[in-house]
């Protein structure tokens, strides 16, 4: 079994966990998430903790035990506290504006970009050059952040573009004559 899978998952007070033979559902103050389980993997509740166990010692089962444990831990964390991803817009005239579930971007193109947020992800723009994405599902929040970043990825000479707030862009030196 994976070393990651041996660690128990603590269940916070406001989180409800329902385990069936092929699926686990976690609900809390920020929403409800569910994940299907592999046939080799089982999740058991012992007191206020969840344990991931394997029924066989195949390489696939050992690998999936760590993956399943990480996914379930992300679900528990997501429905209790949620996940946040911050993006920064670097460049002259680059602006973002959140209107409901739509993010309006001006990234130097001849047209504005309207990005519709999926269910469960909220967007805020405290300043015109900062975008904050929040949600319960870590995978969806990360995917939306990657899609927004892909509209104008940071370029290596001036660093202009959409970048994660903790991202470091290595600036190249320009060509010398």
Protein backbone atom coordinates (compact mmCIF):
# COMPACT_ATOMS: atom_id res chain seq x y z
CA UNK A 1 0.00 0.00 0.00
CA UNK A 2 1.15 3.53 -0.73
CA UNK A 3 2.60 5.63 2.07
CA UNK A 4 0.14 8.38 1.20
CA UNK A 5 -2.80 6.01 1.61
CA UNK A 6 -1.72 4.96 5.11
CA UNK A 7 -2.44 8.44 6.49
CA UNK A 8 -5.98 8.78 7.87
CA UNK A 9 -8.25 11.62 6.73
CA UNK A 10 -9.71 13.68 9.58
CA UNK A 11 -13.40 14.55 9.17
CA UNK A 12 -14.36 18.07 10.38
CA UNK A 13 -17.46 18.57 12.52
CA UNK A 14 -19.83 19.92 9.80
CA UNK A 15 -18.94 17.33 7.14
CA UNK A 16 -21.14 14.31 6.36
CA UNK A 17 -19.63 11.25 4.64
CA UNK A 18 -21.70 8.51 2.92
CA UNK A 19 -19.79 5.43 1.77
CA UNK A 20 -21.25 2.83 -0.59
CA UNK A 21 -19.52 -0.08 -2.31
CA UNK A 22 -18.61 1.87 -5.45
CA UNK A 23 -18.88 5.54 -4.46
CA UNK A 24 -18.13 7.98 -1.67
CA UNK A 25 -20.13 11.18 -1.16
CA UNK A 26 -19.00 14.07 1.01
CA UNK A 27 -21.27 17.00 1.87
CA UNK A 28 -20.58 20.07 3.93
CA UNK A 29 -21.31 23.78 4.24
CA UNK A 30 -19.83 24.57 0.80
CA UNK A 31 -21.52 21.84 -1.23
CA UNK A 32 -21.62 18.15 -2.03
CA UNK A 33 -19.01 16.12 -3.93
CA UNK A 34 -18.88 12.45 -4.90
CA UNK A 35 -16.19 10.16 -6.28
CA UNK A 36 -16.46 6.67 -7.71
CA UNK A 37 -14.16 4.05 -6.19
CA UNK A 38 -12.08 1.46 -7.98
CA UNK A 39 -13.02 -2.19 -7.40
CA UNK A 40 -9.69 -2.80 -5.59
CA UNK A 41 -10.12 0.13 -3.17
CA UNK A 42 -12.37 0.49 -0.13
CA UNK A 43 -12.84 3.45 2.20
CA UNK A 44 -13.76 2.75 5.82
CA UNK A 45 -14.84 5.15 8.53
CA UNK A 46 -13.30 4.66 11.96
CA UNK A 47 -14.56 7.23 14.43
CA UNK A 48 -13.85 10.70 13.04
CA UNK A 49 -11.36 9.47 10.42
CA UNK A 50 -11.46 7.83 7.01
CA UNK A 51 -9.03 5.07 6.05
CA UNK A 52 -8.29 3.89 2.49
CA UNK A 53 -7.62 0.16 2.12
CA UNK A 54 -6.81 -2.16 -0.78
CA UNK A 55 -8.29 -5.61 -1.33
CA UNK A 56 -5.33 -6.86 -3.39
CA UNK A 57 -1.61 -6.07 -3.56
CA UNK A 58 -1.36 -5.51 -7.30
CA UNK A 59 0.62 -2.54 -8.55
CA UNK A 60 -2.57 -0.89 -9.83
CA UNK A 61 -4.31 -1.29 -6.46
CA UNK A 62 -1.35 0.16 -4.57
CA UNK A 63 -1.16 3.13 -6.94
CA UNK A 64 -4.89 3.79 -6.81
CA UNK A 65 -4.93 3.67 -3.00
CA UNK A 66 -2.76 6.80 -2.77
CA UNK A 67 -4.69 8.51 -5.55
CA UNK A 68 -8.03 7.73 -3.92
CA UNK A 69 -6.81 8.97 -0.54
CA UNK A 70 -5.68 12.27 -2.08
CA UNK A 71 -8.99 12.72 -3.95
CA UNK A 72 -11.08 12.00 -0.83
CA UNK A 73 -8.92 14.34 1.29
CA UNK A 74 -9.42 17.09 -1.33
CA UNK A 75 -13.18 16.48 -1.24
CA UNK A 76 -13.30 16.77 2.57
CA UNK A 77 -11.18 19.94 2.51
CA UNK A 78 -13.22 21.40 -0.35
CA UNK A 79 -16.66 21.04 1.25
CA UNK A 80 -15.41 22.35 4.60
CA UNK A 81 -13.08 25.27 3.69
CA UNK A 82 -12.93 25.37 -0.13
CA UNK A 83 -10.14 26.07 -2.60
CA UNK A 84 -8.93 29.42 -3.95
CA UNK A 85 -6.82 30.25 -6.99
CA UNK A 86 -5.59 33.80 -7.67
CA UNK A 87 -4.61 35.13 -11.09
CA UNK A 88 -2.80 38.37 -11.91
CA UNK A 89 -3.07 40.31 -15.17
CA UNK A 90 0.23 41.93 -16.12
CA UNK A 91 0.24 44.31 -19.09
CA UNK A 92 -0.91 47.73 -20.23
CA UNK A 93 -4.68 47.78 -20.67
CA UNK A 94 -5.24 44.24 -19.36
CA UNK A 95 -8.43 44.25 -17.27
CA UNK A 96 -10.86 41.79 -15.75
CA UNK A 97 -14.42 42.36 -14.59
CA UNK A 98 -16.69 39.80 -12.92
CA UNK A 99 -20.40 40.06 -13.69
CA UNK A 100 -22.33 37.28 -12.00
CA UNK A 101 -21.03 33.97 -13.30
CA UNK A 102 -19.19 35.53 -16.25
CA UNK A 103 -15.65 36.89 -16.29
CA UNK A 104 -15.08 39.65 -18.85
CA UNK A 105 -11.43 39.95 -19.90
CA UNK A 106 -9.62 42.58 -21.97
CA UNK A 107 -6.23 41.11 -22.84
CA UNK A 108 -5.00 43.22 -25.75
CA UNK A 109 -7.03 41.46 -28.43
CA UNK A 110 -9.40 43.31 -30.76
CA UNK A 111 -12.35 41.71 -28.95
CA UNK A 112 -13.29 41.19 -25.29
CA UNK A 113 -13.26 37.64 -23.90
CA UNK A 114 -16.29 36.45 -21.91
CA UNK A 115 -15.52 33.32 -19.89
CA UNK A 116 -18.55 31.56 -18.36
CA UNK A 117 -17.88 29.97 -14.97
CA UNK A 118 -18.95 26.36 -14.47
CA UNK A 119 -21.32 25.28 -11.70
CA UNK A 120 -19.67 25.50 -8.28
CA UNK A 121 -16.99 28.09 -9.14
CA UNK A 122 -17.35 31.73 -8.13
CA UNK A 123 -15.23 34.57 -9.46
CA UNK A 124 -14.30 37.89 -7.86
CA UNK A 125 -12.26 40.83 -9.14
CA UNK A 126 -11.16 42.98 -6.18
CA UNK A 127 -9.03 45.08 -8.56
CA UNK A 128 -9.15 45.21 -12.38
CA UNK A 129 -5.87 43.26 -12.60
CA UNK A 130 -6.65 40.53 -10.06
CA UNK A 131 -8.99 37.53 -10.41
CA UNK A 132 -9.92 35.23 -7.50
CA UNK A 133 -11.56 31.87 -8.22
CA UNK A 134 -13.14 29.90 -5.38
CA UNK A 135 -14.96 26.59 -5.22
CA UNK A 136 -15.31 23.26 -3.42
CA UNK A 137 -13.87 21.06 -6.19
CA UNK A 138 -10.09 21.48 -6.48
CA UNK A 139 -9.96 19.95 -9.97
CA UNK A 140 -12.59 22.29 -11.41
CA UNK A 141 -11.09 25.43 -9.82
CA UNK A 142 -7.64 24.51 -11.18
CA UNK A 143 -9.03 23.73 -14.64
CA UNK A 144 -10.87 27.07 -14.86
CA UNK A 145 -7.72 28.92 -13.75
CA UNK A 146 -5.72 27.10 -16.44
CA UNK A 147 -8.30 27.97 -19.11
CA UNK A 148 -8.23 31.67 -18.17
CA UNK A 149 -4.41 31.65 -18.13
CA UNK A 150 -4.39 30.06 -21.61
CA UNK A 151 -6.09 33.11 -23.15
CA UNK A 152 -2.81 35.03 -22.78
CA UNK A 153 0.00 33.03 -21.16
CA UNK A 154 2.93 35.08 -19.81
CA UNK A 155 5.52 35.78 -22.47
CA UNK A 156 9.21 35.45 -21.53
CA UNK A 157 10.55 38.86 -22.65
CA UNK A 158 8.39 41.36 -20.78
CA UNK A 159 6.33 38.99 -18.62
CA UNK A 160 3.01 40.29 -19.96
CA UNK A 161 -0.01 38.04 -19.72
CA UNK A 162 -2.20 36.19 -17.24
CA UNK A 163 -0.27 34.39 -14.54
CA UNK A 164 -0.96 32.67 -11.25
CA UNK A 165 -0.25 35.01 -8.34
CA UNK A 166 2.52 32.72 -7.02
CA UNK A 167 4.00 32.01 -10.47
CA UNK A 168 7.51 33.21 -11.24
CA UNK A 169 8.17 33.99 -14.90
CA UNK A 170 11.82 33.84 -15.94
CA UNK A 171 12.49 36.94 -18.02
CA UNK A 172 14.84 36.36 -20.97
CA UNK A 173 17.40 38.86 -22.08
CA UNK A 174 16.69 40.47 -25.43
CA UNK A 175 18.91 39.91 -28.45
CA UNK A 176 21.98 42.15 -28.58
CA UNK A 177 23.43 43.54 -31.83
